[in-house]
Protein backbone atom coordinates (compact mmCIF):
# COMPACT_ATOMS: atom_id res chain seq x y z
CA UNK A 1 0.00 0.00 0.00
CA UNK A 2 2.94 2.32 0.65
CA UNK A 3 3.99 1.81 -2.98
CA UNK A 4 0.54 3.14 -3.90
CA UNK A 5 1.26 6.28 -1.81
CA UNK A 6 -0.95 5.11 1.06
CA UNK A 7 0.53 4.97 4.55
CA UNK A 8 -1.46 2.84 7.03
CA UNK A 9 -1.04 4.15 10.58
CA UNK A 10 -3.38 1.62 12.19
CA UNK A 11 -3.53 -1.92 10.77
CA UNK A 12 -7.11 -2.35 11.98
CA UNK A 13 -8.10 0.43 9.55
CA UNK A 14 -7.44 -1.85 6.56
CA UNK A 15 -10.68 -3.69 7.30
CA UNK A 16 -12.68 -0.45 7.37
CA UNK A 17 -10.82 0.83 4.31
CA UNK A 18 -11.95 -2.25 2.41
CA UNK A 19 -15.55 -2.00 3.63
CA UNK A 20 -15.88 1.78 3.06
CA UNK A 21 -18.90 2.59 0.91
CA UNK A 22 -19.15 6.37 1.53
CA UNK A 23 -16.33 8.91 1.32
CA UNK A 24 -16.84 12.41 2.67
CA UNK A 25 -14.43 15.15 1.63
CA UNK A 26 -14.05 18.88 1.13
CA UNK A 27 -13.94 20.26 -2.39
CA UNK A 28 -10.89 22.53 -2.13
CA UNK A 29 -7.71 20.68 -3.04
CA UNK A 30 -9.56 17.38 -3.38
CA UNK A 31 -11.99 18.01 -6.21
CA UNK A 32 -10.38 21.28 -7.24
CA UNK A 33 -6.77 22.10 -8.03
CA UNK A 34 -6.35 23.90 -4.71
CA UNK A 35 -4.79 26.84 -6.58
CA UNK A 36 -7.19 29.61 -5.61
CA UNK A 37 -6.97 32.68 -7.86
CA UNK A 38 -8.61 36.07 -7.50
CA UNK A 39 -11.20 36.45 -10.25
CA UNK A 40 -12.62 39.95 -9.78
CA UNK A 41 -13.14 42.72 -7.22
CA UNK A 42 -16.58 44.27 -7.59
CA UNK A 43 -18.50 47.19 -6.22
CA UNK A 44 -21.96 46.41 -4.80
CA UNK A 45 -23.53 47.14 -8.18
CA UNK A 46 -21.31 44.53 -9.90
CA UNK A 47 -18.88 46.93 -11.58
CA UNK A 48 -15.10 46.33 -11.27
CA UNK A 49 -13.60 48.15 -8.30
CA UNK A 50 -9.90 48.84 -7.70
CA UNK A 51 -10.83 50.41 -4.37
CA UNK A 52 -12.33 47.17 -3.03
CA UNK A 53 -9.26 45.25 -4.20
CA UNK A 54 -6.88 47.75 -2.60
CA UNK A 55 -8.67 47.71 0.76
CA UNK A 56 -8.82 43.90 0.74
CA UNK A 57 -5.11 43.72 -0.17
CA UNK A 58 -4.21 45.90 2.83
CA UNK A 59 -6.29 43.62 5.05
CA UNK A 60 -4.59 40.48 3.69
CA UNK A 61 -1.11 41.97 3.94
CA UNK A 62 -1.53 43.03 7.58
CA UNK A 63 -3.56 40.17 9.07
CA UNK A 64 -1.53 37.71 11.14
CA UNK A 65 -3.90 34.73 11.30
CA UNK A 66 -3.10 31.35 9.81
CA UNK A 67 -1.84 31.44 6.23
CA UNK A 68 -4.69 30.64 3.85
CA UNK A 69 -5.05 30.47 0.06
CA UNK A 70 -7.59 33.31 -0.06
CA UNK A 71 -5.22 35.93 1.36
CA UNK A 72 -2.37 34.52 -0.72
CA UNK A 73 -4.45 34.92 -3.88
CA UNK A 74 -5.29 38.54 -2.98
CA UNK A 75 -1.68 39.46 -2.25
CA UNK A 76 -0.50 37.83 -5.47
CA UNK A 77 -3.09 39.73 -7.49
CA UNK A 78 -2.47 43.12 -5.84
CA UNK A 79 0.84 43.40 -3.98
CA UNK A 80 1.12 46.51 -1.81
CA UNK A 81 3.74 48.08 0.41
CA UNK A 82 3.35 47.73 4.16
CA UNK A 83 4.10 51.46 4.41
CA UNK A 84 0.76 52.32 2.83
CA UNK A 85 -1.09 51.44 6.04
CA UNK A 86 -0.33 50.91 9.70
CA UNK A 87 -2.00 48.12 11.64
CA UNK A 88 -3.25 48.72 15.19
CA UNK A 89 -5.39 45.75 16.14
CA UNK A 90 -6.98 42.57 14.83
CA UNK A 91 -9.85 40.18 15.61
CA UNK A 92 -8.99 36.82 13.99
CA UNK A 93 -11.29 34.64 11.96
CA UNK A 94 -13.52 32.11 13.68
CA UNK A 95 -16.06 29.63 12.36
CA UNK A 96 -18.98 31.28 14.13
CA UNK A 97 -18.48 34.84 12.85
CA UNK A 98 -17.03 33.64 9.53
CA UNK A 99 -15.10 36.87 9.09
CA UNK A 100 -11.83 38.51 10.06
CA UNK A 101 -11.28 42.17 10.94
CA UNK A 102 -8.22 44.39 11.05
CA UNK A 103 -7.93 47.92 12.45
CA UNK A 104 -5.55 49.99 10.34
CA UNK A 105 -4.66 53.59 9.61
CA UNK A 106 -5.13 54.58 5.98
CA UNK A 107 -5.41 58.07 4.50
CA UNK A 108 -5.32 59.51 8.02
CA UNK A 109 -8.34 57.44 9.04
CA UNK A 110 -8.57 54.60 11.50
CA UNK A 111 -10.58 51.97 9.66
CA UNK A 112 -11.91 48.58 10.68
CA UNK A 113 -11.71 46.41 7.56
CA UNK A 114 -13.75 43.20 7.71
CA UNK A 115 -13.55 40.44 5.12
CA UNK A 116 -15.50 37.16 5.15
CA UNK A 117 -18.62 35.29 4.12
CA UNK A 118 -21.06 37.62 2.36
CA UNK A 119 -24.00 36.88 4.65
CA UNK A 120 -21.81 37.41 7.70
CA UNK A 121 -20.51 40.75 6.38
CA UNK A 122 -23.98 41.95 5.40
CA UNK A 123 -25.26 41.14 8.89
CA UNK A 124 -22.97 43.79 10.42
CA UNK A 125 -23.54 46.48 7.76
CA UNK A 126 -26.05 49.30 8.04
CA UNK A 127 -24.86 51.32 5.05
CA UNK A 128 -23.43 50.84 1.57
CA UNK A 129 -20.88 52.60 -0.61
CA UNK A 130 -21.87 52.04 -4.22
CA UNK A 131 -18.55 53.05 -5.75
CA UNK A 132 -16.19 54.91 -3.42
CA UNK A 133 -17.91 58.24 -3.93
CA UNK A 134 -17.65 58.98 -0.20
CA UNK A 135 -21.42 59.02 -0.16
CA UNK A 136 -23.09 56.20 1.70
CA UNK A 137 -26.67 55.06 1.67
CA UNK A 138 -28.82 52.88 3.88
CA UNK A 139 -28.23 49.27 2.89
CA UNK A 140 -31.81 48.15 3.41
CA UNK A 141 -33.17 49.08 -0.02
CA UNK A 142 -30.09 47.62 -1.76
CA UNK A 143 -30.10 44.25 -0.03
CA UNK A 144 -32.27 42.40 -2.60
CA UNK A 145 -30.00 43.40 -5.50
CA UNK A 146 -26.85 42.56 -3.47
CA UNK A 147 -28.18 39.11 -2.60
CA UNK A 148 -29.22 38.51 -6.21
CA UNK A 149 -25.74 39.44 -7.45
CA UNK A 150 -24.15 37.24 -4.78
CA UNK A 151 -26.27 34.24 -5.81
CA UNK A 152 -25.48 34.84 -9.48
CA UNK A 153 -21.72 34.91 -8.80
CA UNK A 154 -21.94 31.80 -6.65
CA UNK A 155 -23.96 29.90 -9.25
CA UNK A 156 -21.06 30.51 -11.67
CA UNK A 157 -18.83 28.53 -9.31
CA UNK A 158 -17.08 31.62 -7.95
CA UNK A 159 -16.30 31.68 -4.26
CA UNK A 160 -17.46 35.11 -3.14
CA UNK A 161 -16.46 37.15 -0.08
CA UNK A 162 -17.76 40.46 1.18
CA UNK A 163 -15.72 43.48 2.28
CA UNK A 164 -16.85 46.17 4.73
CA UNK A 165 -15.21 49.15 6.45
CA UNK A 166 -15.89 51.41 9.41
CA UNK A 167 -14.24 54.64 10.53
CA UNK A 168 -13.77 54.55 14.32
CA UNK A 169 -12.12 57.93 14.78
CA UNK A 170 -8.99 57.93 16.91
CA UNK A 171 -9.43 54.55 18.60
CA UNK A 172 -6.56 52.07 18.19
CA UNK A 173 -8.21 49.02 19.78
CA UNK A 174 -11.47 47.23 19.04
CA UNK A 175 -13.38 44.02 19.79
CA UNK A 176 -15.93 41.80 18.08
CA UNK A 177 -18.66 44.01 19.55
CA UNK A 178 -17.41 46.89 17.37
CA UNK A 179 -18.22 44.92 14.23
CA UNK A 180 -21.51 46.70 13.67
CA UNK A 181 -22.92 49.63 11.69
CA UNK A 182 -20.28 49.05 9.04
CA UNK A 183 -20.31 50.08 5.39
CA UNK A 184 -20.47 47.41 2.69
CA UNK A 185 -18.08 48.29 -0.15
CA UNK A 186 -18.16 45.25 -2.41
CA UNK A 187 -17.25 41.68 -3.33
CA UNK A 188 -14.17 39.59 -3.98
CA UNK A 189 -14.62 36.55 -6.21
CA UNK A 190 -12.23 33.61 -6.47
CA UNK A 191 -11.94 30.70 -8.84
CA UNK A 192 -10.49 27.26 -8.15
CA UNK A 193 -10.85 25.01 -11.23
CA UNK A 194 -11.58 21.27 -10.96
CA UNK A 195 -8.50 19.09 -10.69
CA UNK A 196 -7.35 17.25 -13.80
CA UNK A 197 -8.57 13.66 -13.80
CA UNK A 198 -11.00 14.16 -10.91
CA UNK A 199 -14.01 13.05 -12.98
CA UNK A 200 -12.29 9.75 -13.81
CA UNK A 201 -11.26 9.33 -10.16
CA UNK A 202 -14.86 9.80 -8.98
CA UNK A 203 -16.06 7.30 -11.58
CA UNK A 204 -13.43 4.84 -10.37
CA UNK A 205 -14.66 5.22 -6.78
CA UNK A 206 -18.21 4.67 -7.98
CA UNK A 207 -17.13 1.47 -9.74
CA UNK A 208 -15.63 0.37 -6.42
CA UNK A 209 -19.01 0.88 -4.72
CA UNK A 210 -18.01 4.12 -2.98
CA UNK A 211 -20.32 7.13 -3.19
CA UNK A 212 -18.79 10.58 -2.71
CA UNK A 213 -20.32 13.22 -0.45
CA UNK A 214 -18.96 16.78 -0.37
CA UNK A 215 -18.88 18.52 3.01
CA UNK A 216 -17.82 22.14 2.53
CA UNK A 217 -17.99 25.46 4.32
CA UNK A 218 -18.50 27.26 1.01
CA UNK A 219 -21.71 28.71 -0.35
CA UNK A 220 -24.29 26.17 -1.53
CA UNK A 221 -24.34 27.56 -5.10
CA UNK A 222 -20.55 27.27 -5.37
CA UNK A 223 -20.53 23.70 -4.06
CA UNK A 224 -23.35 22.69 -6.39
CA UNK A 225 -21.58 24.24 -9.40
CA UNK A 226 -18.32 22.39 -8.67
CA UNK A 227 -20.26 19.15 -8.11
CA UNK A 228 -21.92 19.49 -11.50
CA UNK A 229 -18.55 20.16 -13.16
CA UNK A 230 -17.11 16.91 -11.76
CA UNK A 231 -20.17 14.85 -12.63
CA UNK A 232 -21.94 14.61 -9.26
CA UNK A 233 -25.70 14.77 -9.67
CA UNK A 234 -27.12 16.45 -6.58
CA UNK A 235 -30.75 17.52 -6.75
CA UNK A 236 -30.67 18.66 -3.11
CA UNK A 237 -28.12 20.43 -0.94
CA UNK A 238 -28.21 20.48 2.87
CA UNK A 239 -26.75 23.65 4.36
CA UNK A 240 -25.37 24.38 7.81
CA UNK A 241 -28.53 26.37 8.54
CA UNK A 242 -30.63 23.31 7.65
CA UNK A 243 -28.54 21.17 10.00
CA UNK A 244 -29.22 23.54 12.88
CA UNK A 245 -32.97 23.24 12.36
CA UNK A 246 -33.40 19.49 11.77
CA UNK A 247 -33.29 16.70 14.34
CA UNK A 248 -30.85 13.80 14.42
CA UNK A 249 -33.68 11.47 13.37
CA UNK A 250 -34.40 13.59 10.28
CA UNK A 251 -30.70 13.80 9.43
CA UNK A 252 -30.50 10.01 9.76
CA UNK A 253 -32.85 9.71 6.76
CA UNK A 254 -31.63 12.73 4.76
CA UNK A 255 -27.89 12.11 4.98
CA UNK A 256 -28.03 9.08 2.67
CA UNK A 257 -30.15 10.92 0.11
CA UNK A 258 -27.93 14.00 -0.23
CA UNK A 259 -24.47 14.23 -1.75
CA UNK A 260 -23.75 17.88 -0.94
CA UNK A 261 -23.44 19.59 2.43
CA UNK A 262 -22.62 23.30 2.11
CA UNK A 263 -21.96 26.20 4.50
CA UNK A 264 -21.16 23.57 7.12
CA UNK A 265 -19.61 24.50 10.45
CA UNK A 266 -16.75 22.32 11.78
CA UNK A 267 -18.82 20.79 14.60
CA UNK A 268 -21.52 19.80 12.09
CA UNK A 269 -19.12 17.58 10.14
CA UNK A 270 -19.04 15.11 13.02
CA UNK A 271 -22.83 15.09 13.16
CA UNK A 272 -23.05 14.23 9.45
CA UNK A 273 -20.51 11.43 9.87
CA UNK A 274 -22.40 9.94 12.83
CA UNK A 275 -25.73 10.07 10.94
CA UNK A 276 -24.21 8.20 7.99
CA UNK A 277 -22.64 5.59 10.30
CA UNK A 278 -25.89 5.00 12.19
CA UNK A 279 -27.68 4.25 8.92
CA UNK A 280 -25.38 1.26 8.36
CA UNK A 281 -22.64 2.77 6.22
CA UNK A 282 -18.90 2.39 6.55
CA UNK A 283 -17.81 6.02 6.31
CA UNK A 284 -14.47 7.48 5.34
CA UNK A 285 -13.65 11.13 5.94
CA UNK A 286 -10.83 12.99 4.20
CA UNK A 287 -9.56 16.11 5.92
CA UNK A 288 -6.38 18.09 6.51
CA UNK A 289 -7.29 20.99 8.79
CA UNK A 290 -7.45 21.59 12.53
CA UNK A 291 -11.23 21.72 12.38
CA UNK A 292 -11.31 18.25 10.75
CA UNK A 293 -9.75 16.38 13.69
CA UNK A 294 -13.04 15.45 15.35
CA UNK A 295 -14.61 14.16 12.12
CA UNK A 296 -11.43 12.20 11.30
CA UNK A 297 -11.54 10.57 14.72
CA UNK A 298 -15.23 9.61 14.49
CA UNK A 299 -15.21 8.30 10.92
CA UNK A 300 -14.74 4.57 10.32
CA UNK A 301 -11.69 5.53 8.26
CA UNK A 302 -9.98 8.84 8.95
CA UNK A 303 -7.93 9.85 5.88
CA UNK A 304 -5.46 12.71 5.81
CA UNK A 305 -2.50 13.80 3.68
CA UNK A 306 1.16 14.25 4.49
CA UNK A 307 0.84 18.04 4.02
CA UNK A 308 -1.96 18.27 6.61
CA UNK A 309 -1.60 19.87 10.02
CA UNK A 310 -0.18 17.62 12.73
CA UNK A 311 -3.50 17.36 14.58
CA UNK A 312 -5.25 16.01 11.47
CA UNK A 313 -2.48 13.50 10.72
CA UNK A 314 -2.51 12.32 14.33
CA UNK A 315 -6.29 11.74 14.24
CA UNK A 316 -6.18 9.94 10.88
CA UNK A 317 -5.96 6.18 10.38
CA UNK A 318 -4.51 6.48 6.88
CA UNK A 319 -2.25 9.16 5.40
CA UNK A 320 -2.01 9.76 1.66
CA UNK A 321 1.26 10.95 0.20
CA UNK A 322 -0.70 12.89 -2.39
CA UNK A 323 -4.05 14.67 -2.01
CA UNK A 324 -5.70 13.00 -4.96
CA UNK A 325 -8.80 10.83 -5.26
CA UNK A 326 -6.97 8.70 -7.82
CA UNK A 327 -4.38 7.83 -5.18
CA UNK A 328 -7.21 7.10 -2.76
CA UNK A 329 -8.94 4.73 -5.19
CA UNK A 330 -5.66 2.84 -5.69
CA UNK A 331 -5.33 2.66 -1.93
CA UNK A 332 -8.86 1.28 -1.62
CA UNK A 333 -8.02 -1.44 -4.16
CA UNK A 334 -4.86 -2.37 -2.24
CA UNK A 335 -6.79 -2.26 1.02
CA UNK A 336 -9.46 -4.59 -0.30
CA UNK A 337 -6.82 -6.92 -1.71
CA UNK A 338 -5.07 -6.97 1.67
CA UNK A 339 -8.35 -7.54 3.50
CA UNK A 340 -9.40 -10.33 1.11
CA UNK A 341 -6.09 -12.15 1.56
CA UNK A 342 -6.25 -11.67 5.32
CA UNK A 343 -9.68 -13.29 5.31
CA UNK A 344 -8.33 -16.18 3.22
CA UNK A 345 -5.69 -16.84 5.84
CA UNK A 346 -8.28 -16.72 8.62
CA UNK A 347 -10.51 -19.15 6.71
CA UNK A 348 -7.64 -21.57 6.17
CA UNK A 349 -6.20 -21.35 9.67
CA UNK A 350 -9.50 -21.70 11.55
CA UNK A 351 -10.90 -24.53 9.43
CA UNK A 352 -7.58 -26.47 9.35
CA UNK A 353 -6.99 -26.12 13.10
CA UNK A 354 -10.58 -27.00 13.91
CA UNK A 355 -10.40 -30.07 11.65
CA UNK A 356 -7.04 -31.22 13.06
CA UNK A 357 -8.25 -30.76 16.63
CA UNK A 358 -11.40 -32.75 15.91
CA UNK A 359 -9.41 -35.50 14.17
CA UNK A 360 -6.68 -35.72 16.79
CA UNK A 361 -9.06 -35.69 19.75
CA UNK A 362 -11.40 -38.25 18.17
CA UNK A 363 -8.63 -40.62 17.09
CA UNK A 364 -7.02 -40.50 20.54
CA UNK A 365 -10.19 -41.95 22.06
CA UNK A 366 -9.90 -45.16 20.02
CA UNK A 367 -6.19 -45.63 19.40
CA UNK A 368 -3.77 -47.21 21.85
CA UNK A 369 -1.06 -44.78 20.72
CA UNK A 370 -0.82 -41.07 19.88
CA UNK A 371 -1.78 -40.40 16.23
CA UNK A 372 1.15 -37.99 16.01
CA UNK A 373 3.85 -37.17 18.53
CA UNK A 374 4.59 -33.52 19.40
CA UNK A 375 7.59 -33.07 17.10
CA UNK A 376 5.58 -34.47 14.19
CA UNK A 377 2.72 -32.06 14.92
CA UNK A 378 5.15 -29.13 15.02
CA UNK A 379 6.69 -30.16 11.70
CA UNK A 380 3.21 -30.51 10.19
CA UNK A 381 2.23 -27.04 11.39
CA UNK A 382 5.45 -25.57 9.98
CA UNK A 383 4.98 -27.14 6.56
CA UNK A 384 1.28 -26.25 6.25
CA UNK A 385 2.05 -22.66 7.28
CA UNK A 386 4.59 -22.17 4.46
CA UNK A 387 1.99 -21.96 1.64
CA UNK A 388 -0.43 -20.03 3.85
CA UNK A 389 2.24 -17.40 4.56
CA UNK A 390 2.31 -16.57 0.85
CA UNK A 391 -1.44 -15.86 0.80
CA UNK A 392 -0.55 -12.23 1.54
CA UNK A 393 0.77 -12.00 -2.06
CA UNK A 394 -2.00 -14.09 -3.60
CA UNK A 395 -4.12 -12.99 -6.55
CA UNK A 396 -7.55 -11.63 -5.61
CA UNK A 397 -10.69 -12.10 -7.71
CA UNK A 398 -12.09 -8.93 -9.25
CA UNK A 399 -15.46 -9.27 -7.53
CA UNK A 400 -13.75 -9.00 -4.14
CA UNK A 401 -12.22 -5.68 -5.17
CA UNK A 402 -15.16 -4.11 -6.97
CA UNK A 403 -17.42 -3.95 -3.93
CA UNK A 404 -16.93 -3.21 -0.22
CA UNK A 405 -16.08 -6.20 1.97
CA UNK A 406 -17.01 -6.50 5.64
CA UNK A 407 -15.89 -8.60 8.55
CA UNK A 408 -18.48 -11.29 9.31
CA UNK A 409 -17.67 -13.50 12.29
CA UNK A 410 -20.79 -15.60 11.68
CA UNK A 411 -19.59 -16.42 8.15
CA UNK A 412 -16.13 -17.35 9.45
CA UNK A 413 -17.69 -19.66 12.02
CA UNK A 414 -19.80 -21.43 9.39
CA UNK A 415 -16.80 -21.77 7.07
CA UNK A 416 -14.67 -23.21 9.90
CA UNK A 417 -17.25 -25.81 10.87
CA UNK A 418 -18.13 -26.93 7.32
CA UNK A 419 -14.62 -27.28 5.95
CA UNK A 420 -13.12 -28.35 9.28
CA UNK A 421 -15.56 -31.26 9.51
CA UNK A 422 -14.91 -32.13 5.88
CA UNK A 423 -11.19 -32.32 6.66
CA UNK A 424 -11.88 -34.52 9.69
CA UNK A 425 -14.11 -36.82 7.66
CA UNK A 426 -11.27 -37.64 5.26
CA UNK A 427 -8.84 -37.92 8.17
CA UNK A 428 -11.04 -40.64 9.67
CA UNK A 429 -11.26 -42.41 6.32
CA UNK A 430 -7.46 -42.37 6.25
CA UNK A 431 -7.36 -43.82 9.81
CA UNK A 432 -9.73 -46.64 8.89
CA UNK A 433 -7.88 -47.58 5.70
CA UNK A 434 -4.47 -47.48 7.35
CA UNK A 435 -5.52 -49.48 10.42
CA UNK A 436 -8.19 -51.89 9.29
CA UNK A 437 -7.41 -52.46 5.62
CA UNK A 438 -3.61 -52.35 5.54
CA UNK A 439 -2.86 -52.93 9.23
CA UNK A 440 0.08 -50.57 9.05
CA UNK A 441 2.59 -50.35 11.90
CA UNK A 442 2.62 -47.23 14.07
CA UNK A 443 5.45 -45.47 12.21
CA UNK A 444 3.76 -45.98 8.82
CA UNK A 445 0.38 -44.93 10.24
CA UNK A 446 1.88 -41.68 11.47
CA UNK A 447 3.71 -41.18 8.17
CA UNK A 448 0.54 -41.81 6.16
CA UNK A 449 -1.57 -39.43 8.19
CA UNK A 450 1.24 -36.84 8.11
CA UNK A 451 1.35 -36.99 4.31
CA UNK A 452 -2.43 -36.95 3.92
CA UNK A 453 -2.93 -34.02 6.32
CA UNK A 454 -0.31 -31.78 4.74
CA UNK A 455 -1.08 -32.63 1.11
CA UNK A 456 -4.83 -32.20 1.55
CA UNK A 457 -4.36 -28.93 3.48
CA UNK A 458 -2.13 -27.51 0.73
CA UNK A 459 -4.44 -28.53 -2.11
CA UNK A 460 -7.61 -27.46 -0.32
CA UNK A 461 -6.06 -24.00 0.11
CA UNK A 462 -5.94 -23.73 -3.69
CA UNK A 463 -9.64 -24.65 -3.85
CA UNK A 464 -11.21 -22.58 -1.08
CA UNK A 465 -9.06 -19.46 -1.60
CA UNK A 466 -11.68 -18.32 -4.15
CA UNK A 467 -15.42 -18.56 -4.60
CA UNK A 468 -14.82 -19.38 -8.24
CA UNK A 469 -14.03 -22.91 -9.50
CA UNK A 470 -10.33 -23.48 -8.77
CA UNK A 471 -9.45 -23.68 -12.48
CA UNK A 472 -11.00 -20.20 -13.06
CA UNK A 473 -9.03 -18.43 -10.35
CA UNK A 474 -5.28 -18.81 -10.67
CA UNK A 475 -3.30 -18.61 -7.42
CA UNK A 476 -0.39 -16.23 -6.97
CA UNK A 477 3.01 -17.38 -8.17
CA UNK A 478 4.50 -17.57 -4.67
CA UNK A 479 1.54 -19.54 -3.32
CA UNK A 480 1.77 -22.00 -6.20
CA UNK A 481 5.53 -22.46 -5.83
CA UNK A 482 5.27 -22.89 -2.04
CA UNK A 483 2.51 -25.48 -2.43
CA UNK A 484 4.44 -27.50 -5.03
CA UNK A 485 7.61 -27.27 -2.95
CA UNK A 486 5.89 -28.57 0.21
CA UNK A 487 4.24 -31.44 -1.71
CA UNK A 488 7.58 -32.56 -3.16
CA UNK A 489 9.22 -32.28 0.25
CA UNK A 490 6.69 -34.46 2.10
CA UNK A 491 6.74 -37.03 -0.71
CA UNK A 492 10.51 -37.43 -0.50
CA UNK A 493 11.05 -36.74 3.20
CA UNK A 494 10.05 -40.21 4.57
CA UNK A 495 12.78 -41.79 2.44
CA UNK A 496 15.55 -39.55 3.81
CA UNK A 497 17.75 -40.26 6.86
CA UNK A 498 16.17 -37.29 8.66
CA UNK A 499 12.80 -39.05 8.69
CA UNK A 500 13.93 -41.44 11.43
CA UNK A 501 14.58 -38.47 13.74
CA UNK A 502 10.88 -37.63 13.49
CA UNK A 503 9.67 -41.23 13.74
CA UNK A 504 8.65 -41.58 10.09
CA UNK A 505 9.33 -44.49 7.75
CA UNK A 506 8.99 -45.00 3.96
CA UNK A 507 5.59 -46.07 2.64
CA UNK A 508 5.03 -48.82 0.04
CA UNK A 509 3.85 -47.65 -3.37
CA UNK A 510 0.33 -49.13 -3.05
CA UNK A 511 -0.16 -47.12 0.15
CA UNK A 512 1.05 -43.94 -1.52
CA UNK A 513 -1.42 -44.48 -4.38
CA UNK A 514 -4.22 -45.03 -1.86
CA UNK A 515 -3.37 -41.78 -0.11
CA UNK A 516 -3.27 -40.04 -3.50
CA UNK A 517 -6.83 -41.21 -4.23
CA UNK A 518 -8.02 -40.03 -0.79
CA UNK A 519 -6.39 -36.62 -1.29
CA UNK A 520 -7.91 -36.21 -4.77
CA UNK A 521 -11.35 -37.19 -3.45
CA UNK A 522 -11.00 -34.65 -0.68
CA UNK A 523 -9.96 -31.91 -3.12
CA UNK A 524 -12.90 -32.68 -5.41
CA UNK A 525 -15.25 -32.77 -2.42
CA UNK A 526 -13.95 -29.39 -1.28
CA UNK A 527 -14.82 -27.92 -4.68
CA UNK A 528 -18.36 -29.38 -4.58
CA UNK A 529 -18.97 -28.35 -0.95
CA UNK A 530 -17.63 -24.86 -1.69
CA UNK A 531 -20.17 -24.42 -4.47
CA UNK A 532 -23.03 -25.61 -2.26
CA UNK A 533 -21.81 -23.55 0.71
CA UNK A 534 -21.66 -20.22 -1.13
CA UNK A 535 -24.94 -20.90 -2.91
CA UNK A 536 -26.67 -21.53 0.44
CA UNK A 537 -25.53 -18.21 1.94
CA UNK A 538 -26.14 -16.04 -1.13
């Protein structure tokens, strides 16, 4: 998985990664290129405005909050000298106010400059400057046209911010309470184009049975526009305001039906994740910011990137070396392959151990000697484990990759009992033939059962490793080589000098042919039982 640029921090997350059927992510940097560019600076009437751009550039140059792509885009588009204005005070951005304010001296005036979400800025404005004519008007009669322009810009996929100012005389300090009775001077619009290849990546996730849900703090029109550009059909958008007004029970039903969540506050992300989980989904969340830590922690699979903040990477289960859905889809494929092969090993180990236990315990009740001595059992376990160790590199059928897989302890139990008892059945047939038909001595009995147990275990692995007929699902090269190697070893081992150290002795050819027939019958039976078993549970 690391070769696919996916770092797994917690091994237990591989299971959830393979079973994930919903992925929640932001749009910026994931669906879009993450290269935010300033599009236009507009006066309230929609005309271009250098004044709005200049005021916003002073704000961005002097603010000392966390570095963000919006301020970077403004400064790149309109670089200014720090000598043009002097900063006195600042109230940083927060997710409740959704704006940031700076107190600065400009043109011999002490101005509060606020920049943020349009609705948030409008809520603190009582007047409007229609074009830097130093004549302001009451904002009330202009609000409908401002909102209409804002919606039009947003529907074009432009992220839109509002800018407001306020002259506070000679004061050099201010608080959040002073953000009132301000003058709205215009808009800033930004454009972040969809990332190359994102449409194909989303289609790939869909083919893997993973539906994508966008959770964004941006305006609903912007989110919907980007979603349409990348091929996400979303007839309905749930906003942060909607989330505040609906109950958890209502969200439980709506969350599955909606693909877009816009204007979402950080604490609402966790609520969305929990609603999706409660409705039976395995939910992945992809985030890289401080405000994503809680959602990352509560998701079934928390996914971050190596460029994320430390808090996000610490909360994540999986870290991508590249913030790209294509990398994520490759990681999902590797995760499902890893999970499928892990389940194969569990199937083999539980059924083989259950069968051996049942055979050994049952035979000990009727035999006057131990069926196998401890050193023979240890050698048998070592040899049967060699092919099973290569299952990690085994080929995986396409159907196990194309849809989410889930841990099912009930299924494992049924598999263990069915194939364990089948193994024991042929073990007992071997006992009967060796003892009552050929009357073999103890050393040959132990040798015969040793050969039958290992050979059947190795060949049955090739059968039950796939739901398909064994001839339609080729095993991995390493598994095949390990199986052939073990079979050759156990066939030749009884004839070597080392065999006497383990209490084994060579078998006559007629006995070897008898064991061969038993092993082939068991392999064929495993194929037939496998077909019946999977048909009965489907």
